[in-house]
N, C-alpha and C. Protein backbone atom coordinates (compact mmCIF):
# COMPACT_ATOMS: atom_id res chain seq x y z
N MET A 1 45.02 221.43 109.44
CA MET A 1 45.22 221.32 110.92
C MET A 1 44.52 220.05 111.39
N ARG A 2 45.26 219.30 112.24
CA ARG A 2 44.64 217.97 112.73
C ARG A 2 43.67 218.34 113.94
N PRO A 3 42.56 217.65 113.96
CA PRO A 3 41.68 217.87 115.12
C PRO A 3 42.19 217.19 116.31
N ASN A 4 41.93 217.79 117.50
CA ASN A 4 42.25 217.14 118.76
C ASN A 4 41.10 216.37 119.41
N ILE A 5 41.36 215.11 119.80
CA ILE A 5 40.33 214.38 120.43
C ILE A 5 40.94 213.93 121.78
N THR A 6 40.08 213.77 122.71
CA THR A 6 40.51 213.16 124.10
C THR A 6 39.86 211.85 124.29
N ILE A 7 40.62 210.88 124.62
CA ILE A 7 40.06 209.47 124.95
C ILE A 7 40.20 209.18 126.38
N ASN A 8 39.24 208.86 127.09
CA ASN A 8 39.31 208.47 128.53
C ASN A 8 39.54 207.06 128.53
N ILE A 9 40.76 206.63 129.03
CA ILE A 9 41.10 205.22 129.16
C ILE A 9 40.94 204.83 130.66
N ASN A 10 39.87 203.99 130.92
CA ASN A 10 39.48 203.67 132.31
C ASN A 10 40.67 202.79 132.91
N THR A 11 41.18 201.88 132.14
CA THR A 11 42.19 201.05 132.61
C THR A 11 43.37 200.91 131.58
N PRO A 12 44.55 201.43 131.88
CA PRO A 12 45.65 201.36 130.93
C PRO A 12 46.11 199.95 130.55
N TYR A 13 45.86 199.04 131.45
CA TYR A 13 46.24 197.60 131.24
C TYR A 13 45.11 196.67 131.45
N LEU A 14 45.00 195.64 130.65
CA LEU A 14 43.93 194.59 130.80
C LEU A 14 44.60 193.26 130.85
N THR A 15 44.06 192.31 131.67
CA THR A 15 44.51 190.99 131.68
C THR A 15 43.97 190.38 130.36
N ILE A 16 44.50 189.11 130.08
CA ILE A 16 44.05 188.38 128.91
C ILE A 16 42.44 188.10 129.07
N ASP A 17 42.07 187.74 130.29
CA ASP A 17 40.68 187.39 130.54
C ASP A 17 39.82 188.64 130.23
N ALA A 18 40.11 189.85 130.76
CA ALA A 18 39.40 191.06 130.59
C ALA A 18 39.38 191.41 129.14
N PHE A 19 40.60 191.39 128.37
CA PHE A 19 40.65 191.72 126.98
C PHE A 19 39.78 190.80 126.14
N SER A 20 39.77 189.52 126.56
CA SER A 20 38.88 188.54 125.84
C SER A 20 37.41 188.94 125.96
N THR A 21 36.99 189.35 127.22
CA THR A 21 35.63 189.78 127.41
C THR A 21 35.28 191.02 126.68
N CYS A 22 36.16 192.02 126.59
CA CYS A 22 35.94 193.23 125.92
C CYS A 22 35.87 193.08 124.43
N THR A 23 36.70 192.20 123.82
CA THR A 23 36.84 192.16 122.41
C THR A 23 36.14 190.95 121.78
N GLY A 24 35.76 189.87 122.63
CA GLY A 24 35.11 188.69 122.05
C GLY A 24 36.14 187.78 121.48
N LEU A 25 37.35 188.06 121.51
CA LEU A 25 38.41 187.13 120.94
C LEU A 25 38.67 186.02 121.99
N SER A 26 39.05 184.87 121.48
CA SER A 26 39.29 183.80 122.39
C SER A 26 40.69 183.99 123.02
N LYS A 27 40.86 183.40 124.23
CA LYS A 27 42.07 183.54 124.96
C LYS A 27 43.29 183.01 124.18
N SER A 28 43.06 181.92 123.40
CA SER A 28 44.19 181.35 122.64
C SER A 28 44.63 182.29 121.47
N THR A 29 43.65 183.00 120.82
CA THR A 29 43.83 183.96 119.82
C THR A 29 44.61 185.16 120.36
N ILE A 30 44.28 185.58 121.49
CA ILE A 30 44.90 186.67 122.20
C ILE A 30 46.45 186.32 122.56
N ARG A 31 46.64 185.10 123.07
CA ARG A 31 47.97 184.66 123.32
C ARG A 31 48.84 184.55 122.04
N ASP A 32 48.17 184.07 120.93
CA ASP A 32 48.88 184.06 119.60
C ASP A 32 49.28 185.43 119.21
N MET A 33 48.34 186.52 119.39
CA MET A 33 48.62 187.83 118.95
C MET A 33 49.74 188.40 119.86
N ILE A 34 49.79 188.05 121.10
CA ILE A 34 50.88 188.55 122.01
C ILE A 34 52.24 188.00 121.56
N ALA A 35 52.22 186.62 121.21
CA ALA A 35 53.34 185.92 120.84
C ALA A 35 54.01 186.50 119.57
N ASP A 36 53.12 186.85 118.64
CA ASP A 36 53.74 187.35 117.34
C ASP A 36 53.79 188.93 117.22
N GLY A 37 53.55 189.49 118.40
CA GLY A 37 53.74 191.04 118.43
C GLY A 37 52.60 191.88 118.12
N ARG A 38 51.55 191.31 117.83
CA ARG A 38 50.34 192.16 117.35
C ARG A 38 49.69 192.84 118.54
N LEU A 39 49.89 192.37 119.77
CA LEU A 39 49.35 193.05 120.99
C LEU A 39 50.53 193.38 121.84
N PRO A 40 50.60 194.69 122.26
CA PRO A 40 51.74 195.08 123.14
C PRO A 40 51.38 194.72 124.65
N VAL A 41 52.32 194.26 125.31
CA VAL A 41 52.16 193.99 126.75
C VAL A 41 53.11 194.67 127.70
N ARG A 42 52.72 194.76 128.92
CA ARG A 42 53.61 195.45 129.85
C ARG A 42 54.79 194.55 130.16
N ALA A 43 55.97 195.16 130.12
CA ALA A 43 57.17 194.38 130.29
C ALA A 43 57.32 193.95 131.80
N LYS A 44 57.83 192.77 131.98
CA LYS A 44 57.99 192.21 133.37
C LYS A 44 59.42 192.35 133.77
N SER A 45 59.60 192.63 135.06
CA SER A 45 61.00 192.64 135.60
C SER A 45 61.45 191.16 135.71
N ALA A 46 62.73 190.92 135.92
CA ALA A 46 63.28 189.58 136.01
C ALA A 46 62.77 188.86 137.10
N ASP A 47 62.34 189.41 138.19
CA ASP A 47 61.90 188.74 139.44
C ASP A 47 60.30 188.60 139.32
N MET A 48 59.58 188.91 138.18
CA MET A 48 58.21 188.76 138.01
C MET A 48 57.80 188.00 136.83
N LYS A 49 58.59 187.00 136.51
CA LYS A 49 58.42 186.21 135.31
C LYS A 49 57.05 185.42 135.33
N ARG A 50 56.50 185.15 136.46
CA ARG A 50 55.33 184.36 136.62
C ARG A 50 54.09 185.24 136.82
N GLY A 51 54.18 186.51 136.73
CA GLY A 51 53.09 187.42 136.95
C GLY A 51 52.09 187.39 135.81
N LYS A 52 51.01 188.04 135.97
CA LYS A 52 49.93 188.11 134.95
C LYS A 52 50.36 188.87 133.77
N VAL A 53 50.01 188.48 132.60
CA VAL A 53 50.28 189.15 131.33
C VAL A 53 49.27 190.39 131.33
N LEU A 54 49.77 191.62 131.12
CA LEU A 54 48.93 192.82 131.00
C LEU A 54 49.05 193.39 129.66
N ILE A 55 47.94 193.57 128.91
CA ILE A 55 47.93 194.11 127.62
C ILE A 55 47.80 195.60 127.76
N ASN A 56 48.69 196.35 127.08
CA ASN A 56 48.91 197.81 127.17
C ASN A 56 47.84 198.44 126.21
N MET A 57 46.78 198.92 126.84
CA MET A 57 45.75 199.58 126.12
C MET A 57 46.10 200.92 125.56
N LEU A 58 46.92 201.63 126.33
CA LEU A 58 47.32 203.03 125.82
C LEU A 58 48.15 202.80 124.48
N ALA A 59 49.02 201.83 124.45
CA ALA A 59 49.79 201.57 123.25
C ALA A 59 48.88 201.18 122.06
N LEU A 60 47.76 200.44 122.36
CA LEU A 60 46.93 200.04 121.29
C LEU A 60 46.15 201.27 120.73
N TYR A 61 45.66 202.16 121.62
CA TYR A 61 44.99 203.38 121.21
C TYR A 61 45.90 204.20 120.40
N THR A 62 47.06 204.40 120.91
CA THR A 62 48.19 205.23 120.16
C THR A 62 48.38 204.69 118.79
N ASP A 63 48.58 203.35 118.71
CA ASP A 63 48.82 202.75 117.47
C ASP A 63 47.67 202.94 116.45
N ALA A 64 46.43 202.82 116.95
CA ALA A 64 45.31 202.97 116.11
C ALA A 64 45.14 204.39 115.66
N SER A 65 45.52 205.34 116.41
CA SER A 65 45.46 206.76 115.98
C SER A 65 46.48 207.15 114.91
N GLU A 66 47.62 206.41 114.81
CA GLU A 66 48.63 206.72 113.88
C GLU A 66 48.13 206.67 112.39
N GLY A 67 47.20 205.82 112.09
CA GLY A 67 46.65 205.73 110.79
C GLY A 67 45.54 206.79 110.50
N CYS A 68 45.28 207.66 111.47
CA CYS A 68 44.22 208.63 111.24
C CYS A 68 44.95 210.05 111.24
N ASN A 69 44.22 211.00 110.75
CA ASN A 69 44.79 212.41 110.72
C ASN A 69 44.16 213.10 111.97
N ILE A 70 44.69 212.63 113.10
CA ILE A 70 44.28 213.27 114.35
C ILE A 70 45.30 213.34 115.32
N SER A 71 45.22 214.17 116.35
CA SER A 71 46.15 214.25 117.34
C SER A 71 45.58 213.70 118.62
N LEU A 72 46.11 212.57 119.14
CA LEU A 72 45.64 211.88 120.25
C LEU A 72 46.26 212.35 121.51
N GLN A 73 45.32 212.74 122.43
CA GLN A 73 45.76 213.16 123.86
C GLN A 73 44.96 212.31 124.83
N PRO A 74 45.69 211.19 125.29
CA PRO A 74 44.96 210.36 126.22
C PRO A 74 44.71 211.13 127.56
N ASN A 75 43.58 210.84 128.23
CA ASN A 75 43.21 211.37 129.46
C ASN A 75 43.14 210.30 130.47
N LEU A 76 44.18 210.00 131.20
CA LEU A 76 44.21 208.92 132.19
C LEU A 76 43.67 209.35 133.54
């Protein structure tokens, strides 16, 4: 049986600046990771093409849990 864990995600989306601060990665590295698909981002509608890029933290936590033998239940 897989154990259940609960993760409290304070912010489901982070800007590139905030993600850089949290991870210590440079903004250019983050942009490269977004461009090649290593970081999931919130989709923008056609009328918001110039809006801020938002990194999907819930998708990152979910992806990270797939390699473990756990059942992830995010608590937003």
